[in-house]
Amino acid sequence: MLFERMVRAARLEVGLYEEVEHDLSATQQALLVVILVALANLLAAIIGSVFVSSGAGHLVRGALGGVLAALVGWVVWSYVTYFVGTRLFSGVATPGELLRTIGFAQSPGVLNVFTFIPLLGGLVALVVAIWMLIAGVIAVRQALDFDTSRAVFTVIVGWLVMLVFWGILALLGLGFVAAAGRL
């Protein structure tokens, strides 16, 4: 059932997003989608590292960080989208509905496993990113029960908020690294 739902999400089937929006048990499936996409990215990094010869310790830390960042990003993005969509654009949804629809919107990301391919990997990453963006707009539109233009604006404003969020985390991370270097 999960694989079938992922395929339907990747096909941008509006009905799938309505289905998972209302299916409370689909939250765990959405979590699995996010994890599968993170693992696809990890697999591409592992295969790519064979060509680059990066250290195993670096790869393991990067893998754990990548999966953690994917999970945190999914949850934070869902809540940011919830607040932006309901407060600024009068959408109607619960945070859980956005967790489910946005989680499934990441389904095309499993194709990032092919980003290790020289010369073609960049194109795959670009196509998958655009595909996921379109799926995300559909997910937001369906979850918040409003039109496409408000969904696009919700995604844009939410993206700007996330940019600030990740920027602050990066600055804090650099601050922690600098502080640790002084110890």
C-alpha atoms as a PDB file:
ATOM      1  CA  MET A   1       0.000   0.000   0.000  1.00  0.00           C
ATOM      2  CA  LEU A   2       2.859   2.402   0.802  1.00  0.00           C
ATOM      3  CA  PHE A   3       4.568   1.868  -2.552  1.00  0.00           C
ATOM      4  CA  GLU A   4       1.265   2.306  -4.404  1.00  0.00           C
ATOM      5  CA  ARG A   5       0.600   5.550  -2.533  1.00  0.00           C
ATOM      6  CA  MET A   6       4.106   6.806  -3.288  1.00  0.00           C
ATOM      7  CA  VAL A   7       3.605   6.127  -6.998  1.00  0.00           C
ATOM      8  CA  ARG A   8       0.261   7.936  -6.938  1.00  0.00           C
ATOM      9  CA  ALA A   9       1.845  10.868  -5.100  1.00  0.00           C
ATOM     10  CA  ALA A  10       4.647  11.004  -7.668  1.00  0.00           C
ATOM     11  CA  ARG A  11       2.041  10.937 -10.445  1.00  0.00           C
ATOM     12  CA  LEU A  12       0.602  14.069  -8.780  1.00  0.00           C
ATOM     13  CA  GLU A  13      -2.789  12.419  -8.285  1.00  0.00           C
ATOM     14  CA  VAL A  14      -4.913  14.927  -6.392  1.00  0.00           C
ATOM     15  CA  GLY A  15      -7.030  12.090  -5.009  1.00  0.00           C
ATOM     16  CA  LEU A  16      -4.016  10.604  -3.232  1.00  0.00           C
ATOM     17  CA  TYR A  17      -3.344  13.854  -1.389  1.00  0.00           C
ATOM     18  CA  GLU A  18      -7.013  14.052  -0.339  1.00  0.00           C
ATOM     19  CA  GLU A  19      -6.845  10.410   0.763  1.00  0.00           C
ATOM     20  CA  VAL A  20      -3.764  10.775   2.971  1.00  0.00           C
ATOM     21  CA  GLU A  21      -4.975  14.126   4.296  1.00  0.00           C
ATOM     22  CA  HIS A  22      -7.937  12.359   5.920  1.00  0.00           C
ATOM     23  CA  ASP A  23      -6.242   9.036   6.787  1.00  0.00           C
ATOM     24  CA  LEU A  24      -4.791   9.434  10.289  1.00  0.00           C
ATOM     25  CA  SER A  25      -2.883   6.163   9.918  1.00  0.00           C
ATOM     26  CA  ALA A  26      -1.013   7.626   6.916  1.00  0.00           C
ATOM     27  CA  THR A  27       1.198   9.747   9.192  1.00  0.00           C
ATOM     28  CA  GLN A  28       3.462   6.751   9.793  1.00  0.00           C
ATOM     29  CA  GLN A  29       3.536   6.082   6.071  1.00  0.00           C
ATOM     30  CA  ALA A  30       4.481   9.708   5.406  1.00  0.00           C
ATOM     31  CA  LEU A  31       7.317   9.295   7.921  1.00  0.00           C
ATOM     32  CA  LEU A  32       8.476   6.210   6.023  1.00  0.00           C
ATOM     33  CA  VAL A  33       8.398   8.158   2.748  1.00  0.00           C
ATOM     34  CA  VAL A  34      10.646  10.832   4.272  1.00  0.00           C
ATOM     35  CA  ILE A  35      13.018   8.150   5.594  1.00  0.00           C
ATOM     36  CA  LEU A  36      13.075   6.320   2.234  1.00  0.00           C
ATOM     37  CA  VAL A  37      13.930   9.558   0.422  1.00  0.00           C
ATOM     38  CA  ALA A  38      16.691  10.274   2.948  1.00  0.00           C
ATOM     39  CA  LEU A  39      18.025   6.732   2.454  1.00  0.00           C
ATOM     40  CA  ALA A  40      17.952   7.179  -1.339  1.00  0.00           C
ATOM     41  CA  ASN A  41      20.050  10.310  -0.899  1.00  0.00           C
ATOM     42  CA  LEU A  42      22.355   8.393   1.441  1.00  0.00           C
ATOM     43  CA  LEU A  43      22.739   5.538  -1.039  1.00  0.00           C
ATOM     44  CA  ALA A  44      23.624   8.002  -3.793  1.00  0.00           C
ATOM     45  CA  ALA A  45      26.196   9.579  -1.466  1.00  0.00           C
ATOM     46  CA  ILE A  46      27.694   6.186  -0.626  1.00  0.00           C
ATOM     47  CA  ILE A  47      27.943   5.179  -4.268  1.00  0.00           C
ATOM     48  CA  GLY A  48      29.285   8.618  -5.157  1.00  0.00           C
ATOM     49  CA  SER A  49      31.860   8.413  -2.365  1.00  0.00           C
ATOM     50  CA  VAL A  50      33.381   5.388  -4.056  1.00  0.00           C
ATOM     51  CA  PHE A  51      34.318   7.734  -6.897  1.00  0.00           C
ATOM     52  CA  VAL A  52      35.457  10.526  -4.575  1.00  0.00           C
ATOM     53  CA  SER A  53      37.102   8.341  -1.912  1.00  0.00           C
ATOM     54  CA  SER A  54      35.817  10.217   1.127  1.00  0.00           C
ATOM     55  CA  GLY A  55      36.456   8.733   4.549  1.00  0.00           C
ATOM     56  CA  ALA A  56      33.987   6.252   6.048  1.00  0.00           C
ATOM     57  CA  GLY A  57      33.653   8.201   9.291  1.00  0.00           C
ATOM     58  CA  HIS A  58      32.746  11.325   7.371  1.00  0.00           C
ATOM     59  CA  LEU A  59      30.173   9.371   5.381  1.00  0.00           C
ATOM     60  CA  VAL A  60      28.529   7.868   8.494  1.00  0.00           C
ATOM     61  CA  ARG A  61      28.287  11.272  10.200  1.00  0.00           C
ATOM     62  CA  GLY A  62      26.901  12.762   7.006  1.00  0.00           C
ATOM     63  CA  ALA A  63      24.387   9.929   6.677  1.00  0.00           C
ATOM     64  CA  LEU A  64      23.072  10.324  10.191  1.00  0.00           C
ATOM     65  CA  GLY A  65      22.986  14.077   9.782  1.00  0.00           C
ATOM     66  CA  GLY A  66      21.176  13.776   6.457  1.00  0.00           C
ATOM     67  CA  VAL A  67      18.456  11.500   7.820  1.00  0.00           C
ATOM     68  CA  LEU A  68      18.038  13.685  10.909  1.00  0.00           C
ATOM     69  CA  ALA A  69      17.901  16.837   8.758  1.00  0.00           C
ATOM     70  CA  ALA A  70      15.278  15.218   6.510  1.00  0.00           C
ATOM     71  CA  LEU A  71      13.078  14.344   9.479  1.00  0.00           C
ATOM     72  CA  VAL A  72      13.494  17.712  11.192  1.00  0.00           C
ATOM     73  CA  GLY A  73      12.996  19.512   7.888  1.00  0.00           C
ATOM     74  CA  TRP A  74       9.776  17.598   7.191  1.00  0.00           C
ATOM     75  CA  VAL A  75       8.290  18.360  10.603  1.00  0.00           C
ATOM     76  CA  VAL A  76       9.385  22.004  10.679  1.00  0.00           C
ATOM     77  CA  TRP A  77       8.310  22.603   7.067  1.00  0.00           C
ATOM     78  CA  SER A  78       4.895  21.047   7.783  1.00  0.00           C
ATOM     79  CA  TYR A  79       4.332  23.262  10.827  1.00  0.00           C
ATOM     80  CA  VAL A  80       5.634  26.391   9.102  1.00  0.00           C
ATOM     81  CA  THR A  81       3.325  25.672   6.173  1.00  0.00           C
ATOM     82  CA  TYR A  82       0.452  25.082   8.576  1.00  0.00           C
ATOM     83  CA  PHE A  83       0.972  28.449  10.288  1.00  0.00           C
ATOM     84  CA  VAL A  84       1.574  30.376   7.065  1.00  0.00           C
ATOM     85  CA  GLY A  85      -1.351  28.736   5.269  1.00  0.00           C
ATOM     86  CA  THR A  86      -3.865  29.058   8.086  1.00  0.00           C
ATOM     87  CA  ARG A  87      -2.821  32.455   9.478  1.00  0.00           C
ATOM     88  CA  LEU A  88      -1.868  34.405   6.348  1.00  0.00           C
ATOM     89  CA  PHE A  89      -3.967  32.738   3.677  1.00  0.00           C
ATOM     90  CA  SER A  90      -7.006  31.471   5.656  1.00  0.00           C
ATOM     91  CA  GLY A  91      -6.490  27.811   4.854  1.00  0.00           C
ATOM     92  CA  VAL A  92      -8.197  25.133   6.887  1.00  0.00           C
ATOM     93  CA  ALA A  93      -6.111  22.175   8.040  1.00  0.00           C
ATOM     94  CA  THR A  94      -4.469  20.493  10.982  1.00  0.00           C
ATOM     95  CA  PRO A  95      -0.715  20.088  11.362  1.00  0.00           C
ATOM     96  CA  GLY A  96      -1.196  16.326  10.918  1.00  0.00           C
ATOM     97  CA  GLU A  97      -2.864  16.801   7.552  1.00  0.00           C
ATOM     98  CA  LEU A  98       0.125  18.799   6.376  1.00  0.00           C
ATOM     99  CA  LEU A  99       2.582  16.256   7.789  1.00  0.00           C
ATOM    100  CA  ARG A 100       0.871  13.545   5.769  1.00  0.00           C
ATOM    101  CA  THR A 101       0.452  15.382   2.482  1.00  0.00           C
ATOM    102  CA  ILE A 102       3.891  17.007   2.558  1.00  0.00           C
ATOM    103  CA  GLY A 103       5.497  13.696   3.516  1.00  0.00           C
ATOM    104  CA  PHE A 104       3.973  11.982   0.494  1.00  0.00           C
ATOM    105  CA  ALA A 105       4.917  14.931  -1.731  1.00  0.00           C
ATOM    106  CA  GLN A 106       8.523  13.903  -1.175  1.00  0.00           C
ATOM    107  CA  SER A 107       7.915  10.585  -2.983  1.00  0.00           C
ATOM    108  CA  PRO A 108       9.716  11.600  -6.206  1.00  0.00           C
ATOM    109  CA  GLY A 109      12.818  12.118  -4.056  1.00  0.00           C
ATOM    110  CA  VAL A 110      13.571   8.382  -4.093  1.00  0.00           C
ATOM    111  CA  LEU A 111      14.848   8.951  -7.622  1.00  0.00           C
ATOM    112  CA  ASN A 112      17.693  10.969  -6.112  1.00  0.00           C
ATOM    113  CA  VAL A 113      19.378   7.586  -5.737  1.00  0.00           C
ATOM    114  CA  PHE A 114      20.527   8.187  -9.340  1.00  0.00           C
ATOM    115  CA  THR A 115      22.252  11.487  -8.601  1.00  0.00           C
ATOM    116  CA  PHE A 116      25.607   9.732  -8.268  1.00  0.00           C
ATOM    117  CA  ILE A 117      25.726   9.200 -12.058  1.00  0.00           C
ATOM    118  CA  PRO A 118      28.388  11.464 -13.549  1.00  0.00           C
ATOM    119  CA  LEU A 119      27.054  14.146 -15.891  1.00  0.00           C
ATOM    120  CA  LEU A 120      23.465  12.932 -15.473  1.00  0.00           C
ATOM    121  CA  GLY A 121      23.212  13.233 -11.682  1.00  0.00           C
ATOM    122  CA  GLY A 122      22.812  17.001 -11.686  1.00  0.00           C
ATOM    123  CA  LEU A 123      19.973  16.806 -14.186  1.00  0.00           C
ATOM    124  CA  VAL A 124      18.269  14.078 -12.140  1.00  0.00           C
ATOM    125  CA  ALA A 125      18.564  16.235  -9.000  1.00  0.00           C
ATOM    126  CA  LEU A 126      17.086  19.257 -10.799  1.00  0.00           C
ATOM    127  CA  VAL A 127      14.162  17.310 -12.273  1.00  0.00           C
ATOM    128  CA  VAL A 128      13.427  15.646  -8.924  1.00  0.00           C
ATOM    129  CA  ALA A 129      13.589  18.993  -7.086  1.00  0.00           C
ATOM    130  CA  ILE A 130      11.101  20.590  -9.507  1.00  0.00           C
ATOM    131  CA  TRP A 131       8.877  17.516  -9.369  1.00  0.00           C
ATOM    132  CA  MET A 132       8.881  17.583  -5.556  1.00  0.00           C
ATOM    133  CA  LEU A 133       8.116  21.307  -5.578  1.00  0.00           C
ATOM    134  CA  ILE A 134       5.069  20.743  -7.795  1.00  0.00           C
ATOM    135  CA  ALA A 135       3.964  17.826  -5.600  1.00  0.00           C
ATOM    136  CA  GLY A 136       4.454  20.043  -2.555  1.00  0.00           C
ATOM    137  CA  VAL A 137       2.221  22.770  -3.972  1.00  0.00           C
ATOM    138  CA  ILE A 138      -0.475  20.178  -4.689  1.00  0.00           C
ATOM    139  CA  ALA A 139      -0.074  18.738  -1.177  1.00  0.00           C
ATOM    140  CA  VAL A 140      -0.391  22.180   0.414  1.00  0.00           C
ATOM    141  CA  ARG A 141      -3.350  23.106  -1.775  1.00  0.00           C
ATOM    142  CA  GLN A 142      -5.235  19.936  -0.915  1.00  0.00           C
ATOM    143  CA  ALA A 143      -4.408  19.957   2.794  1.00  0.00           C
ATOM    144  CA  LEU A 144      -5.298  23.617   3.301  1.00  0.00           C
ATOM    145  CA  ASP A 145      -8.363  23.420   1.059  1.00  0.00           C
ATOM    146  CA  PHE A 146      -7.673  26.441  -1.074  1.00  0.00           C
ATOM    147  CA  ASP A 147      -6.704  27.406  -4.625  1.00  0.00           C
ATOM    148  CA  THR A 148      -3.365  26.919  -6.344  1.00  0.00           C
ATOM    149  CA  SER A 149      -2.311  30.578  -6.167  1.00  0.00           C
ATOM    150  CA  ARG A 150      -2.666  30.633  -2.371  1.00  0.00           C
ATOM    151  CA  ALA A 151      -0.806  27.318  -2.214  1.00  0.00           C
ATOM    152  CA  VAL A 152       2.060  28.795  -4.258  1.00  0.00           C
ATOM    153  CA  PHE A 153       2.217  31.879  -2.031  1.00  0.00           C
ATOM    154  CA  THR A 154       2.101  29.679   1.074  1.00  0.00           C
ATOM    155  CA  VAL A 155       5.022  27.647  -0.249  1.00  0.00           C
ATOM    156  CA  ILE A 156       7.014  30.785  -1.142  1.00  0.00           C
ATOM    157  CA  VAL A 157       6.467  32.458   2.247  1.00  0.00           C
ATOM    158  CA  GLY A 158       7.104  29.155   4.018  1.00  0.00           C
ATOM    159  CA  TRP A 159      10.285  28.659   2.013  1.00  0.00           C
ATOM    160  CA  LEU A 160      11.526  32.097   3.077  1.00  0.00           C
ATOM    161  CA  VAL A 161      10.790  31.270   6.715  1.00  0.00           C
ATOM    162  CA  MET A 162      12.647  27.954   6.327  1.00  0.00           C
ATOM    163  CA  LEU A 163      15.590  29.753   4.741  1.00  0.00           C
ATOM    164  CA  VAL A 164      15.843  31.940   7.829  1.00  0.00           C
ATOM    165  CA  PHE A 165      15.399  28.878  10.089  1.00  0.00           C
ATOM    166  CA  TRP A 166      18.209  26.899   8.425  1.00  0.00           C
ATOM    167  CA  GLY A 167      20.362  30.031   8.298  1.00  0.00           C
ATOM    168  CA  ILE A 168      20.020  30.529  12.040  1.00  0.00           C
ATOM    169  CA  LEU A 169      20.799  26.858  12.650  1.00  0.00           C
ATOM    170  CA  ALA A 170      23.866  27.148  10.424  1.00  0.00           C
ATOM    171  CA  LEU A 171      25.050  30.229  12.309  1.00  0.00           C
ATOM    172  CA  LEU A 172      24.465  28.494  15.635  1.00  0.00           C
ATOM    173  CA  GLY A 173      26.319  25.461  14.329  1.00  0.00           C
ATOM    174  CA  LEU A 174      29.261  27.618  13.306  1.00  0.00           C
ATOM    175  CA  GLY A 175      29.120  29.266  16.707  1.00  0.00           C
ATOM    176  CA  PHE A 176      29.254  25.879  18.423  1.00  0.00           C
ATOM    177  CA  VAL A 177      32.160  24.797  16.210  1.00  0.00           C
ATOM    178  CA  ALA A 178      34.043  28.025  16.954  1.00  0.00           C
ATOM    179  CA  ALA A 179      33.364  27.690  20.695  1.00  0.00           C
ATOM    180  CA  ALA A 180      34.496  24.060  20.680  1.00  0.00           C
ATOM    181  CA  GLY A 181      37.707  25.095  18.925  1.00  0.00           C
ATOM    182  CA  ARG A 182      38.508  27.474  21.781  1.00  0.00           C
ATOM    183  CA  LEU A 183      38.186  24.754  24.431  1.00  0.00           C
END
